[in-house]
Protein backbone atom coordinates (compact mmCIF):
# COMPACT_ATOMS: atom_id res chain seq x y z
CA MET A 1 91.95 104.80 137.65
CA SER A 2 95.31 105.01 138.56
CA GLU A 3 96.99 108.31 137.63
CA PRO A 4 100.60 108.25 135.07
CA VAL A 5 103.65 109.08 136.85
CA GLY A 6 104.32 112.31 136.89
CA GLY A 7 100.85 113.21 135.81
CA SER A 8 98.28 115.12 137.36
CA GLY A 9 96.84 114.05 140.72
CA ALA A 10 98.79 112.05 143.71
CA ARG A 11 102.27 111.82 143.18
CA GLY A 12 105.16 109.42 144.56
CA PHE A 13 108.41 110.77 145.66
CA VAL A 14 109.74 111.56 142.27
CA ARG A 15 107.30 114.81 141.07
CA GLY A 16 109.26 115.20 137.53
CA PRO A 17 110.22 111.59 136.35
CA GLN A 18 111.42 113.03 133.28
CA SER A 19 113.87 115.59 134.96
CA PHE A 20 115.00 113.16 137.68
CA VAL A 21 115.73 110.43 134.91
CA ALA A 22 117.89 112.96 132.69
CA GLY A 23 119.64 113.83 135.63
CA LEU A 24 120.66 110.56 136.51
CA GLY A 25 121.91 110.13 133.24
CA LEU A 26 123.99 113.40 133.51
CA ILE A 27 125.81 112.52 136.39
CA ALA A 28 126.28 108.82 134.68
CA LEU A 29 127.83 110.50 131.99
CA ALA A 30 130.02 112.67 134.26
CA LEU A 31 131.00 109.67 136.15
CA PHE A 32 132.16 107.93 133.64
CA ALA A 33 134.15 110.81 132.19
CA ILE A 34 135.74 111.47 134.99
CA TRP A 35 137.26 107.73 135.46
CA ALA A 36 138.17 107.95 131.73
CA GLY A 37 140.21 110.77 131.98
CA ASP A 38 141.80 109.80 135.35
CA ASP A 39 144.74 109.06 133.82
CA LEU A 40 145.27 112.01 132.15
CA ALA A 41 147.33 115.23 133.76
CA ARG A 42 145.66 117.89 134.28
CA GLY A 43 148.25 120.54 135.09
CA THR A 44 147.26 123.63 136.05
CA LEU A 45 145.63 127.39 135.04
CA GLY A 46 149.56 128.36 134.04
CA ALA A 47 150.40 124.94 132.39
CA ILE A 48 147.15 123.44 130.94
CA GLY A 49 147.07 119.46 131.08
CA PRO A 50 145.14 117.51 128.43
CA GLY A 51 142.90 116.22 131.39
CA LEU A 52 141.78 119.76 132.84
CA MET A 53 139.35 120.78 130.66
CA PRO A 54 137.77 117.25 130.33
CA PHE A 55 137.49 117.27 134.08
CA TRP A 56 135.78 120.34 134.64
CA LEU A 57 133.61 119.98 131.86
CA ALA A 58 132.49 116.53 133.65
CA ILE A 59 131.99 118.25 136.81
CA GLY A 60 129.92 120.90 134.87
CA VAL A 61 127.73 118.23 133.44
CA GLY A 62 127.25 116.29 136.71
CA LEU A 63 126.21 119.87 138.21
CA CYS A 64 123.44 120.21 135.45
CA GLY A 65 122.49 116.28 136.10
CA ALA A 66 122.49 117.03 140.44
CA ALA A 67 119.87 119.91 139.47
CA LEU A 68 117.84 118.14 137.30
CA CYS A 69 117.41 115.81 140.13
CA VAL A 70 116.80 118.34 142.71
CA ALA A 71 114.06 119.66 140.15
CA GLY A 72 112.42 116.08 139.46
CA LEU A 73 112.08 115.65 143.25
CA LEU A 74 110.55 119.08 143.98
CA ARG A 75 108.52 120.58 140.92
CA ALA A 76 105.90 118.55 139.17
CA GLY A 77 106.81 117.45 135.43
CA ALA A 78 105.71 115.17 132.58
CA PRO A 79 105.86 111.51 132.75
CA LEU A 80 108.18 109.06 131.50
CA GLN A 81 107.12 108.52 127.93
CA GLY A 82 108.59 105.83 125.10
CA MET A 83 111.78 106.88 123.33
CA PRO A 84 112.63 106.41 119.79
CA LEU A 85 115.90 104.46 119.71
CA ARG A 86 117.32 106.38 116.19
CA GLY A 87 118.69 109.29 118.18
CA PRO A 88 120.71 107.61 121.46
CA VAL A 89 122.07 105.13 118.62
CA VAL A 90 123.06 107.30 115.96
CA VAL A 91 124.60 109.54 118.81
CA LEU A 92 126.46 106.35 120.53
CA LEU A 93 127.82 105.22 116.65
CA ALA A 94 129.32 108.65 116.42
CA ILE A 95 131.69 109.05 119.64
CA VAL A 96 132.84 105.05 118.86
CA LEU A 97 133.81 106.57 115.54
CA PHE A 98 135.43 109.52 116.47
CA ALA A 99 136.95 107.49 119.24
CA VAL A 100 138.68 104.78 116.66
CA THR A 101 139.60 107.44 114.13
CA ILE A 102 141.20 110.38 115.49
CA ARG A 103 144.32 108.26 116.77
CA PRO A 104 145.04 104.53 115.56
CA PHE A 105 143.24 102.11 117.73
CA ALA A 106 143.80 98.25 117.65
CA PHE A 107 141.36 95.51 117.39
CA GLY A 108 143.33 92.44 117.83
CA SER A 109 145.90 92.30 115.23
CA VAL A 110 143.70 95.31 112.97
CA THR A 111 144.50 98.91 113.83
CA THR A 112 142.64 101.70 112.31
CA PRO A 113 144.77 104.44 110.81
CA GLY A 114 144.62 107.67 113.19
CA LEU A 115 143.19 110.10 111.00
CA GLY A 116 142.99 113.39 113.68
CA LEU A 117 140.66 115.94 114.66
CA ALA A 118 140.30 117.01 111.34
CA VAL A 119 138.94 113.58 109.70
CA ALA A 120 137.29 112.47 112.99
CA GLY A 121 135.70 115.73 113.59
CA PRO A 122 133.69 116.51 110.69
CA LEU A 123 133.34 112.88 110.69
CA ALA A 124 131.42 112.70 113.54
CA VAL A 125 129.58 115.29 113.25
CA LEU A 126 127.98 113.92 109.80
CA VAL A 127 127.06 110.62 111.73
CA ALA A 128 125.83 112.28 114.94
CA GLY A 129 123.50 114.67 112.68
CA TYR A 130 121.65 111.87 111.47
CA ALA A 131 119.93 111.12 114.31
CA SER A 132 117.71 113.54 113.38
CA PRO A 133 115.35 112.44 110.46
CA GLU A 134 115.68 116.03 109.41
CA ALA A 135 119.54 116.17 108.73
CA ARG A 136 120.78 117.26 105.61
CA LEU A 137 123.97 116.52 103.93
CA SER A 138 124.82 120.32 102.93
CA GLU A 139 124.39 121.60 106.41
CA LEU A 140 125.62 119.01 108.28
CA LEU A 141 129.01 119.20 106.14
CA ILE A 142 129.27 123.05 106.94
CA LEU A 143 128.82 122.38 110.48
CA GLY A 144 131.13 119.79 110.84
CA LEU A 145 134.24 121.75 108.75
CA LEU A 146 133.54 124.90 110.37
CA LEU A 147 133.48 123.42 113.89
CA THR A 148 136.24 121.04 113.73
CA ALA A 149 138.31 124.04 111.99
CA GLY A 150 137.47 126.01 115.19
CA CYS A 151 138.51 123.59 117.59
CA MET A 152 141.84 122.62 115.66
CA LEU A 153 142.67 126.02 116.42
CA LEU A 154 141.75 126.41 119.49
CA PHE A 155 142.83 123.37 121.66
CA GLY A 156 145.68 122.71 118.69
CA ASP A 157 146.70 126.11 118.27
CA LEU A 158 146.12 128.59 120.90
CA LEU A 159 146.13 125.80 124.11
CA ASN A 160 148.65 123.75 122.87
CA LEU A 161 146.90 120.41 123.85
CA PRO A 162 148.54 117.23 122.89
CA ILE A 163 145.12 116.05 120.70
CA PRO A 164 145.89 114.23 117.49
CA MET A 165 145.14 117.13 114.80
CA LEU A 166 146.39 115.33 111.87
CA PRO A 167 146.24 112.20 110.16
CA THR A 168 149.34 110.26 110.85
CA ALA A 169 150.73 109.40 107.41
CA LEU A 170 150.36 112.98 106.47
CA ILE A 171 152.63 113.74 109.62
CA GLN A 172 154.85 111.42 108.93
CA ALA A 173 155.23 112.53 105.08
CA LEU A 174 155.67 115.94 105.98
CA SER A 175 157.79 115.25 108.57
CA GLY A 176 161.16 117.94 108.92
CA THR A 177 159.43 120.03 105.90
CA ILE A 178 157.17 122.18 107.51
CA PRO A 179 156.46 123.25 111.25
CA SER A 180 153.54 121.63 113.15
CA ARG A 181 151.86 123.96 114.06
CA THR A 182 152.22 125.70 110.45
CA LEU A 183 150.80 123.03 109.34
CA LEU A 184 147.74 122.70 111.84
CA ARG A 185 146.87 126.56 110.74
CA ILE A 186 146.91 125.36 107.10
CA ALA A 187 144.76 122.26 107.50
CA ALA A 188 142.50 124.60 109.97
CA GLY A 189 142.41 127.01 106.74
CA ILE A 190 141.44 124.55 104.42
CA LEU A 191 138.65 122.83 106.33
CA ALA A 192 137.61 126.67 107.02
CA LEU A 193 137.34 127.79 103.55
CA PHE A 194 135.60 124.64 102.41
CA GLY A 195 132.92 125.05 105.02
CA LEU A 196 132.79 128.67 103.96
CA GLY A 197 132.09 127.74 100.49
CA LEU A 198 129.74 125.00 100.87
CA LEU A 199 127.95 127.61 103.06
CA LEU A 200 128.13 130.48 100.47
CA LEU A 201 126.77 127.70 97.82
CA ASN A 202 124.01 126.74 100.02
CA ARG A 203 122.67 129.94 100.51
CA ARG A 204 122.87 131.18 97.02
CA SER A 205 121.16 127.60 95.99
CA ALA A 206 118.36 128.56 98.22
CA LYS A 207 118.08 132.05 96.64
CA ARG A 208 117.24 130.47 93.63
CA GLU A 209 114.75 127.92 94.77
CA PRO A 210 111.54 128.90 92.94
CA ILE A 211 108.54 129.90 94.72
CA ASP A 212 105.28 128.31 94.55
CA VAL A 213 102.89 130.87 94.06
CA ALA A 214 99.31 129.65 93.76
CA GLN A 215 97.93 130.10 90.32
CA HIS A 216 94.42 132.10 90.79
CA SER A 217 92.05 131.77 87.83
CA LEU A 218 90.55 135.91 87.08
CA THR A 219 87.03 133.70 86.07
CA THR A 220 84.63 133.01 88.59
């Protein structure tokens, strides 16, 4: 009988098919990210541009992919197996949703409203979380709110990267009344407070859940 690819016994050129294919996927993702961000100015370490961090993140992902490919060639691994489509499809949907909501996006004569990272971030985390059948709405909301608040403070406040942080309509409505950086900090604080509030409620409800105890009869 013939052995499965990557199984025991004689092996071909690729000894670890799963590692090798995963590495190729990461390399392809890195090349796409570099191509997509090629028009963004990278700047320098003293004056970081919007394309610097994505570029080096893509380089890191590509190096990880190359390492996986080498491991697949040199080290025996598991054979390729069927993969459920739910995870990749839902994650891809979350990425597309994030791309079309963080800033205005034109579909012919229809243009989506720019919601900024404050809305697009939690929304993408919420959708991507359902790639797992074990996803829980409360946990995804907590993760999305706290993660987005941290990203807003890091990328918008500390690094001052030109990433849309707030909905376009909100910025236009409050233009000239509140400084943009102050508005960003207020929005991040609100998201963090909501996230922490949900976290406390989630923990409190978990403590209040009754514990099922097996009832044992004293009679034999």
